[in-house]
């Protein structure tokens, strides 16, 4: 299970789920988050 707390800007994964993810799965999650953060800040800084 995954939980996203908008007010804290935190994404949490259940320990059991996190342990079952492969290194590639975790890398994809981190890469996706980095890309989305870059898009968010580039959009808001351009305004």
N, C-alpha and C. Protein backbone atom coordinates (compact mmCIF):
# COMPACT_ATOMS: atom_id res chain seq x y z
N UNK A 1 0.84 -1.18 0.00
CA UNK A 1 0.00 0.00 0.00
C UNK A 1 0.89 1.24 0.00
N UNK A 2 0.43 2.25 -0.69
CA UNK A 2 1.15 3.52 -0.76
C UNK A 2 0.25 4.61 -0.19
N UNK A 3 0.84 5.54 0.54
CA UNK A 3 0.10 6.66 1.10
C UNK A 3 0.82 7.95 0.73
N UNK A 4 0.06 8.93 0.24
CA UNK A 4 0.62 10.23 -0.11
C UNK A 4 -0.02 11.29 0.76
N UNK A 5 0.80 11.97 1.55
CA UNK A 5 0.31 13.06 2.40
C UNK A 5 0.61 14.38 1.70
N UNK A 6 -0.39 14.97 1.08
CA UNK A 6 -0.19 16.21 0.33
C UNK A 6 0.34 17.34 1.20
N UNK A 7 -0.15 17.45 2.41
CA UNK A 7 0.26 18.57 3.26
C UNK A 7 1.72 18.45 3.69
N UNK A 8 2.22 17.23 3.75
CA UNK A 8 3.61 17.03 4.15
C UNK A 8 4.55 16.84 2.97
N UNK A 9 3.98 16.59 1.80
CA UNK A 9 4.81 16.31 0.63
C UNK A 9 5.56 15.01 0.77
N UNK A 10 4.91 14.02 1.37
CA UNK A 10 5.55 12.74 1.66
C UNK A 10 4.80 11.61 0.98
N UNK A 11 5.56 10.66 0.45
CA UNK A 11 4.98 9.44 -0.08
C UNK A 11 5.52 8.30 0.77
N UNK A 12 4.63 7.49 1.31
CA UNK A 12 5.04 6.37 2.16
C UNK A 12 4.58 5.06 1.55
N UNK A 13 5.43 4.06 1.66
CA UNK A 13 5.09 2.71 1.21
C UNK A 13 5.06 1.80 2.42
N UNK A 14 4.14 0.85 2.39
CA UNK A 14 4.10 -0.18 3.42
C UNK A 14 5.41 -0.97 3.37
N UNK A 15 5.95 -1.32 4.54
CA UNK A 15 7.23 -2.04 4.60
C UNK A 15 7.22 -3.33 3.79
N UNK A 16 6.13 -4.07 3.87
CA UNK A 16 6.04 -5.34 3.15
C UNK A 16 6.10 -5.11 1.65
N UNK A 17 5.39 -4.11 1.17
CA UNK A 17 5.39 -3.79 -0.26
C UNK A 17 6.79 -3.33 -0.68
N UNK A 18 7.39 -2.44 0.12
CA UNK A 18 8.70 -1.89 -0.23
C UNK A 18 9.75 -3.00 -0.33
N UNK A 19 9.72 -3.96 0.58
CA UNK A 19 10.68 -5.06 0.55
C UNK A 19 10.51 -5.95 -0.68
N UNK A 20 9.31 -6.00 -1.24
CA UNK A 20 9.05 -6.84 -2.41
C UNK A 20 9.44 -6.16 -3.72
N UNK A 21 9.67 -4.85 -3.68
CA UNK A 21 10.06 -4.14 -4.89
C UNK A 21 11.51 -4.47 -5.25
N UNK A 22 11.77 -4.55 -6.53
CA UNK A 22 13.14 -4.79 -6.99
C UNK A 22 13.91 -3.47 -6.98
N UNK A 23 15.21 -3.57 -7.15
CA UNK A 23 16.04 -2.37 -7.25
C UNK A 23 15.58 -1.52 -8.44
N UNK A 24 15.23 -2.18 -9.54
CA UNK A 24 14.74 -1.45 -10.72
C UNK A 24 13.41 -0.76 -10.44
N UNK A 25 12.52 -1.41 -9.69
CA UNK A 25 11.24 -0.80 -9.32
C UNK A 25 11.47 0.47 -8.51
N UNK A 26 12.36 0.38 -7.52
CA UNK A 26 12.65 1.53 -6.66
C UNK A 26 13.30 2.65 -7.46
N UNK A 27 14.19 2.29 -8.37
CA UNK A 27 14.85 3.31 -9.21
C UNK A 27 13.82 4.01 -10.09
N UNK A 28 12.85 3.27 -10.60
CA UNK A 28 11.79 3.87 -11.42
C UNK A 28 10.95 4.84 -10.59
N UNK A 29 10.65 4.48 -9.37
CA UNK A 29 9.87 5.36 -8.48
C UNK A 29 10.64 6.65 -8.24
N UNK A 30 11.91 6.54 -7.90
CA UNK A 30 12.73 7.73 -7.63
C UNK A 30 12.86 8.59 -8.88
N UNK A 31 13.11 7.96 -10.03
CA UNK A 31 13.24 8.70 -11.29
C UNK A 31 11.95 9.43 -11.63
N UNK A 32 10.82 8.76 -11.46
CA UNK A 32 9.52 9.37 -11.75
C UNK A 32 9.27 10.57 -10.83
N UNK A 33 9.57 10.41 -9.55
CA UNK A 33 9.39 11.52 -8.61
C UNK A 33 10.28 12.70 -8.98
N UNK A 34 11.54 12.41 -9.32
CA UNK A 34 12.46 13.48 -9.72
C UNK A 34 11.95 14.22 -10.95
N UNK A 35 11.47 13.48 -11.94
CA UNK A 35 10.95 14.11 -13.16
C UNK A 35 9.73 14.97 -12.86
N UNK A 36 8.82 14.46 -12.04
CA UNK A 36 7.61 15.22 -11.72
C UNK A 36 7.94 16.47 -10.91
N UNK A 37 8.91 16.37 -9.99
CA UNK A 37 9.32 17.55 -9.23
C UNK A 37 9.95 18.60 -10.15
N UNK A 38 10.78 18.16 -11.08
CA UNK A 38 11.40 19.09 -12.03
C UNK A 38 10.34 19.78 -12.88
N UNK A 39 9.34 19.01 -13.34
CA UNK A 39 8.25 19.60 -14.13
C UNK A 39 7.47 20.61 -13.29
N UNK A 40 7.17 20.26 -12.06
CA UNK A 40 6.40 21.13 -11.18
C UNK A 40 7.13 22.46 -10.96
N UNK A 41 8.41 22.38 -10.61
CA UNK A 41 9.14 23.60 -10.30
C UNK A 41 9.46 24.42 -11.54
N UNK A 42 9.69 23.78 -12.67
CA UNK A 42 9.94 24.56 -13.89
C UNK A 42 8.68 25.28 -14.34
N UNK A 43 7.53 24.66 -14.14
CA UNK A 43 6.26 25.29 -14.49
C UNK A 43 5.99 26.47 -13.58
N UNK A 44 6.21 26.31 -12.27
CA UNK A 44 5.91 27.37 -11.32
C UNK A 44 6.93 28.50 -11.35
N UNK A 45 8.15 28.23 -11.73
CA UNK A 45 9.16 29.28 -11.81
C UNK A 45 9.01 30.09 -13.08
N UNK A 46 8.40 29.50 -14.10
CA UNK A 46 8.21 30.19 -15.38
C UNK A 46 7.09 31.22 -15.31
N UNK A 47 6.21 31.10 -14.34
CA UNK A 47 5.04 32.00 -14.25
C UNK A 47 5.43 33.38 -13.78
